[in-house]
């Protein structure tokens, strides 16, 4: 949760896709992404669209939630990123992950999920990804399916 560039995730996605394509050259490539993974999926597909057969997005992070990313908070985050990028802000509440209590419990108990506080540098990287997605949207030509809950507290459905 302390990254300087969101591109790290896209690079890792292409590394995996290229490996799978080398093992299975005749299969089409579909990407599935949920939440922040949706943002990663969109930006991955935008880099090499001719190599992607389709993208499935489940509650994708396309734009920052205007309630949590107010202009003042964005300004302060940008300022803090220059002075204290490792400073922690709020955390993601597990009750926001799902309305299904068993899914929330599974999320809470999964040691692979990050349960700490979000760092300023990570928030800035997410904002940069959302800005990049906004610029890429007009050029998207690959097929996609979007599934999104209307009560999502993490990823704004308006995106």
C-alpha atoms as a PDB file:
ATOM      1  CA  UNK A   1       0.000   0.000   0.000  1.00  0.00           C
ATOM      2  CA  UNK A   2       2.991   2.274  -0.450  1.00  0.00           C
ATOM      3  CA  UNK A   3       3.437   2.694  -4.184  1.00  0.00           C
ATOM      4  CA  UNK A   4       4.579   5.675  -6.185  1.00  0.00           C
ATOM      5  CA  UNK A   5       3.115   4.662  -9.525  1.00  0.00           C
ATOM      6  CA  UNK A   6      -0.106   2.783 -10.324  1.00  0.00           C
ATOM      7  CA  UNK A   7       1.639   1.516 -13.471  1.00  0.00           C
ATOM      8  CA  UNK A   8       3.230  -1.213 -11.318  1.00  0.00           C
ATOM      9  CA  UNK A   9      -0.115  -3.035 -11.315  1.00  0.00           C
ATOM     10  CA  UNK A  10      -0.558  -2.733 -15.082  1.00  0.00           C
ATOM     11  CA  UNK A  11       2.975  -3.987 -15.659  1.00  0.00           C
ATOM     12  CA  UNK A  12       2.313  -7.009 -13.452  1.00  0.00           C
ATOM     13  CA  UNK A  13      -0.962  -7.712 -15.277  1.00  0.00           C
ATOM     14  CA  UNK A  14       0.770  -7.699 -18.669  1.00  0.00           C
ATOM     15  CA  UNK A  15       3.549  -9.896 -17.329  1.00  0.00           C
ATOM     16  CA  UNK A  16       0.949 -12.477 -16.305  1.00  0.00           C
ATOM     17  CA  UNK A  17      -1.076 -12.125 -19.527  1.00  0.00           C
ATOM     18  CA  UNK A  18       2.056 -12.544 -21.657  1.00  0.00           C
ATOM     19  CA  UNK A  19       3.015 -15.662 -19.701  1.00  0.00           C
ATOM     20  CA  UNK A  20      -0.446 -17.195 -20.146  1.00  0.00           C
ATOM     21  CA  UNK A  21      -0.485 -16.288 -23.859  1.00  0.00           C
ATOM     22  CA  UNK A  22       2.854 -18.051 -24.320  1.00  0.00           C
ATOM     23  CA  UNK A  23       1.396 -21.182 -22.728  1.00  0.00           C
ATOM     24  CA  UNK A  24      -1.998 -20.947 -24.469  1.00  0.00           C
ATOM     25  CA  UNK A  25      -1.473 -18.962 -27.689  1.00  0.00           C
ATOM     26  CA  UNK A  26      -4.817 -19.900 -29.268  1.00  0.00           C
ATOM     27  CA  UNK A  27      -7.055 -18.789 -26.389  1.00  0.00           C
ATOM     28  CA  UNK A  28      -8.686 -15.345 -26.284  1.00  0.00           C
ATOM     29  CA  UNK A  29      -7.726 -13.012 -23.441  1.00  0.00           C
ATOM     30  CA  UNK A  30     -10.447 -11.804 -21.096  1.00  0.00           C
ATOM     31  CA  UNK A  31      -9.724  -9.695 -18.037  1.00  0.00           C
ATOM     32  CA  UNK A  32     -11.905  -9.625 -14.926  1.00  0.00           C
ATOM     33  CA  UNK A  33     -11.437  -6.859 -12.385  1.00  0.00           C
ATOM     34  CA  UNK A  34     -13.224  -5.904  -9.199  1.00  0.00           C
ATOM     35  CA  UNK A  35     -13.002  -2.548  -7.400  1.00  0.00           C
ATOM     36  CA  UNK A  36      -9.393  -1.310  -7.678  1.00  0.00           C
ATOM     37  CA  UNK A  37      -8.796  -4.358  -9.889  1.00  0.00           C
ATOM     38  CA  UNK A  38     -11.377  -2.858 -12.241  1.00  0.00           C
ATOM     39  CA  UNK A  39      -9.205   0.240 -12.618  1.00  0.00           C
ATOM     40  CA  UNK A  40      -6.184  -1.973 -13.216  1.00  0.00           C
ATOM     41  CA  UNK A  41      -8.141  -3.991 -15.795  1.00  0.00           C
ATOM     42  CA  UNK A  42      -9.305  -0.888 -17.675  1.00  0.00           C
ATOM     43  CA  UNK A  43      -5.812   0.584 -17.867  1.00  0.00           C
ATOM     44  CA  UNK A  44      -4.291  -2.781 -18.799  1.00  0.00           C
ATOM     45  CA  UNK A  45      -6.746  -3.237 -21.680  1.00  0.00           C
ATOM     46  CA  UNK A  46      -6.201   0.349 -22.843  1.00  0.00           C
ATOM     47  CA  UNK A  47      -2.464  -0.231 -23.238  1.00  0.00           C
ATOM     48  CA  UNK A  48      -2.771  -3.070 -25.758  1.00  0.00           C
ATOM     49  CA  UNK A  49      -6.424  -3.176 -26.805  1.00  0.00           C
ATOM     50  CA  UNK A  50      -5.868  -5.376 -29.851  1.00  0.00           C
ATOM     51  CA  UNK A  51      -4.736  -8.190 -27.552  1.00  0.00           C
ATOM     52  CA  UNK A  52      -7.855  -8.168 -25.371  1.00  0.00           C
ATOM     53  CA  UNK A  53     -11.066 -10.005 -26.310  1.00  0.00           C
ATOM     54  CA  UNK A  54     -13.122  -8.450 -23.523  1.00  0.00           C
ATOM     55  CA  UNK A  55     -13.189  -7.063 -20.002  1.00  0.00           C
ATOM     56  CA  UNK A  56     -15.596  -7.811 -17.144  1.00  0.00           C
ATOM     57  CA  UNK A  57     -15.742  -5.082 -14.505  1.00  0.00           C
ATOM     58  CA  UNK A  58     -17.374  -5.679 -11.137  1.00  0.00           C
ATOM     59  CA  UNK A  59     -17.861  -2.492  -9.133  1.00  0.00           C
ATOM     60  CA  UNK A  60     -14.851  -0.904 -10.830  1.00  0.00           C
ATOM     61  CA  UNK A  61     -13.030   2.109  -9.453  1.00  0.00           C
ATOM     62  CA  UNK A  62     -13.495   4.522 -12.343  1.00  0.00           C
ATOM     63  CA  UNK A  63     -13.737   7.787 -10.462  1.00  0.00           C
ATOM     64  CA  UNK A  64     -13.029   8.818  -6.919  1.00  0.00           C
ATOM     65  CA  UNK A  65     -16.023   9.068  -4.607  1.00  0.00           C
ATOM     66  CA  UNK A  66     -16.804  12.800  -4.462  1.00  0.00           C
ATOM     67  CA  UNK A  67     -17.824  12.477  -0.802  1.00  0.00           C
ATOM     68  CA  UNK A  68     -14.384  11.219   0.197  1.00  0.00           C
ATOM     69  CA  UNK A  69     -12.324  13.031  -2.459  1.00  0.00           C
ATOM     70  CA  UNK A  70     -13.539  16.574  -1.929  1.00  0.00           C
ATOM     71  CA  UNK A  71     -11.510  19.329  -3.628  1.00  0.00           C
ATOM     72  CA  UNK A  72     -10.110  20.362  -0.232  1.00  0.00           C
ATOM     73  CA  UNK A  73      -9.085  16.795   0.677  1.00  0.00           C
ATOM     74  CA  UNK A  74      -7.475  16.319  -2.738  1.00  0.00           C
ATOM     75  CA  UNK A  75      -5.508  19.550  -2.291  1.00  0.00           C
ATOM     76  CA  UNK A  76      -4.344  18.523   1.188  1.00  0.00           C
ATOM     77  CA  UNK A  77      -3.447  15.007  -0.022  1.00  0.00           C
ATOM     78  CA  UNK A  78      -1.332  16.423  -2.855  1.00  0.00           C
ATOM     79  CA  UNK A  79       0.427  18.735  -0.430  1.00  0.00           C
ATOM     80  CA  UNK A  80       1.030  15.941   2.093  1.00  0.00           C
ATOM     81  CA  UNK A  81       2.277  13.632  -0.664  1.00  0.00           C
ATOM     82  CA  UNK A  82       5.228  15.969  -1.183  1.00  0.00           C
ATOM     83  CA  UNK A  83       6.021  16.221   2.529  1.00  0.00           C
ATOM     84  CA  UNK A  84       4.911  12.922   4.084  1.00  0.00           C
ATOM     85  CA  UNK A  85       3.880  10.348   1.439  1.00  0.00           C
ATOM     86  CA  UNK A  86       3.874   7.517   3.985  1.00  0.00           C
ATOM     87  CA  UNK A  87       1.466   9.318   6.289  1.00  0.00           C
ATOM     88  CA  UNK A  88      -1.628   7.219   6.830  1.00  0.00           C
ATOM     89  CA  UNK A  89      -5.148   8.475   6.330  1.00  0.00           C
ATOM     90  CA  UNK A  90      -8.341   6.538   6.922  1.00  0.00           C
ATOM     91  CA  UNK A  91      -8.872   2.853   6.431  1.00  0.00           C
ATOM     92  CA  UNK A  92     -11.274   0.795   4.350  1.00  0.00           C
ATOM     93  CA  UNK A  93     -14.064  -0.495   6.534  1.00  0.00           C
ATOM     94  CA  UNK A  94     -14.826  -4.133   5.850  1.00  0.00           C
ATOM     95  CA  UNK A  95     -18.586  -3.456   6.031  1.00  0.00           C
ATOM     96  CA  UNK A  96     -18.142  -1.475   2.780  1.00  0.00           C
ATOM     97  CA  UNK A  97     -16.854  -4.546   0.922  1.00  0.00           C
ATOM     98  CA  UNK A  98     -20.212  -6.305   0.840  1.00  0.00           C
ATOM     99  CA  UNK A  99     -23.653  -6.320   2.398  1.00  0.00           C
ATOM    100  CA  UNK A 100     -23.327 -10.100   2.726  1.00  0.00           C
ATOM    101  CA  UNK A 101     -22.092 -10.738   6.284  1.00  0.00           C
ATOM    102  CA  UNK A 102     -20.364 -13.996   5.322  1.00  0.00           C
ATOM    103  CA  UNK A 103     -18.380 -12.142   2.639  1.00  0.00           C
ATOM    104  CA  UNK A 104     -17.404  -9.433   5.131  1.00  0.00           C
ATOM    105  CA  UNK A 105     -16.243 -12.099   7.598  1.00  0.00           C
ATOM    106  CA  UNK A 106     -14.262 -13.837   4.855  1.00  0.00           C
ATOM    107  CA  UNK A 107     -12.657 -10.503   3.950  1.00  0.00           C
ATOM    108  CA  UNK A 108     -11.801  -9.807   7.599  1.00  0.00           C
ATOM    109  CA  UNK A 109     -10.284 -13.248   8.071  1.00  0.00           C
ATOM    110  CA  UNK A 110      -8.279 -13.329   4.842  1.00  0.00           C
ATOM    111  CA  UNK A 111      -4.656 -12.634   5.757  1.00  0.00           C
ATOM    112  CA  UNK A 112      -3.922 -11.720   2.132  1.00  0.00           C
ATOM    113  CA  UNK A 113      -6.208  -8.680   2.368  1.00  0.00           C
ATOM    114  CA  UNK A 114      -4.567  -5.484   3.552  1.00  0.00           C
ATOM    115  CA  UNK A 115      -6.311  -4.312   6.717  1.00  0.00           C
ATOM    116  CA  UNK A 116      -4.155  -1.305   7.543  1.00  0.00           C
ATOM    117  CA  UNK A 117      -4.620   2.365   6.924  1.00  0.00           C
ATOM    118  CA  UNK A 118      -4.328   3.915   3.464  1.00  0.00           C
ATOM    119  CA  UNK A 119      -1.180   5.953   2.839  1.00  0.00           C
ATOM    120  CA  UNK A 120      -1.257   9.378   1.213  1.00  0.00           C
ATOM    121  CA  UNK A 121       0.955   8.170  -1.664  1.00  0.00           C
ATOM    122  CA  UNK A 122      -1.480   5.350  -2.408  1.00  0.00           C
ATOM    123  CA  UNK A 123      -4.438   7.753  -2.465  1.00  0.00           C
ATOM    124  CA  UNK A 124      -2.545   9.976  -4.903  1.00  0.00           C
ATOM    125  CA  UNK A 125      -1.773   6.943  -7.102  1.00  0.00           C
ATOM    126  CA  UNK A 126      -5.492   6.028  -7.124  1.00  0.00           C
ATOM    127  CA  UNK A 127      -6.446   9.583  -8.083  1.00  0.00           C
ATOM    128  CA  UNK A 128      -3.910   9.478 -10.908  1.00  0.00           C
ATOM    129  CA  UNK A 129      -5.378   6.181 -12.135  1.00  0.00           C
ATOM    130  CA  UNK A 130      -8.896   7.640 -12.088  1.00  0.00           C
ATOM    131  CA  UNK A 131      -7.686  10.677 -14.059  1.00  0.00           C
ATOM    132  CA  UNK A 132      -5.997   8.404 -16.596  1.00  0.00           C
ATOM    133  CA  UNK A 133      -9.152   6.296 -16.961  1.00  0.00           C
ATOM    134  CA  UNK A 134     -11.169   9.457 -17.617  1.00  0.00           C
ATOM    135  CA  UNK A 135      -8.771  10.361 -20.447  1.00  0.00           C
ATOM    136  CA  UNK A 136      -8.894   6.798 -21.877  1.00  0.00           C
ATOM    137  CA  UNK A 137     -12.686   6.335 -21.869  1.00  0.00           C
ATOM    138  CA  UNK A 138     -13.318   7.984 -25.277  1.00  0.00           C
ATOM    139  CA  UNK A 139     -10.883   5.595 -26.982  1.00  0.00           C
ATOM    140  CA  UNK A 140     -12.163   2.345 -25.455  1.00  0.00           C
ATOM    141  CA  UNK A 141     -13.185  -0.033 -28.207  1.00  0.00           C
ATOM    142  CA  UNK A 142     -12.908  -3.438 -26.538  1.00  0.00           C
ATOM    143  CA  UNK A 143     -16.099  -5.243 -25.459  1.00  0.00           C
ATOM    144  CA  UNK A 144     -16.939  -4.935 -21.779  1.00  0.00           C
ATOM    145  CA  UNK A 145     -19.558  -5.907 -19.217  1.00  0.00           C
ATOM    146  CA  UNK A 146     -20.004  -3.794 -16.095  1.00  0.00           C
ATOM    147  CA  UNK A 147     -21.731  -5.079 -12.964  1.00  0.00           C
ATOM    148  CA  UNK A 148     -22.104  -2.582 -10.141  1.00  0.00           C
ATOM    149  CA  UNK A 149     -24.085  -2.446  -6.921  1.00  0.00           C
ATOM    150  CA  UNK A 150     -26.068   0.726  -6.386  1.00  0.00           C
ATOM    151  CA  UNK A 151     -25.062   1.007  -2.709  1.00  0.00           C
ATOM    152  CA  UNK A 152     -21.280   0.728  -3.250  1.00  0.00           C
ATOM    153  CA  UNK A 153     -19.459   2.866  -0.683  1.00  0.00           C
ATOM    154  CA  UNK A 154     -15.970   2.353  -2.137  1.00  0.00           C
ATOM    155  CA  UNK A 155     -16.369   2.783  -5.885  1.00  0.00           C
ATOM    156  CA  UNK A 156     -18.774   5.435  -7.051  1.00  0.00           C
ATOM    157  CA  UNK A 157     -21.400   3.947  -9.393  1.00  0.00           C
ATOM    158  CA  UNK A 158     -21.580   7.278 -11.250  1.00  0.00           C
ATOM    159  CA  UNK A 159     -18.118   6.522 -12.631  1.00  0.00           C
END
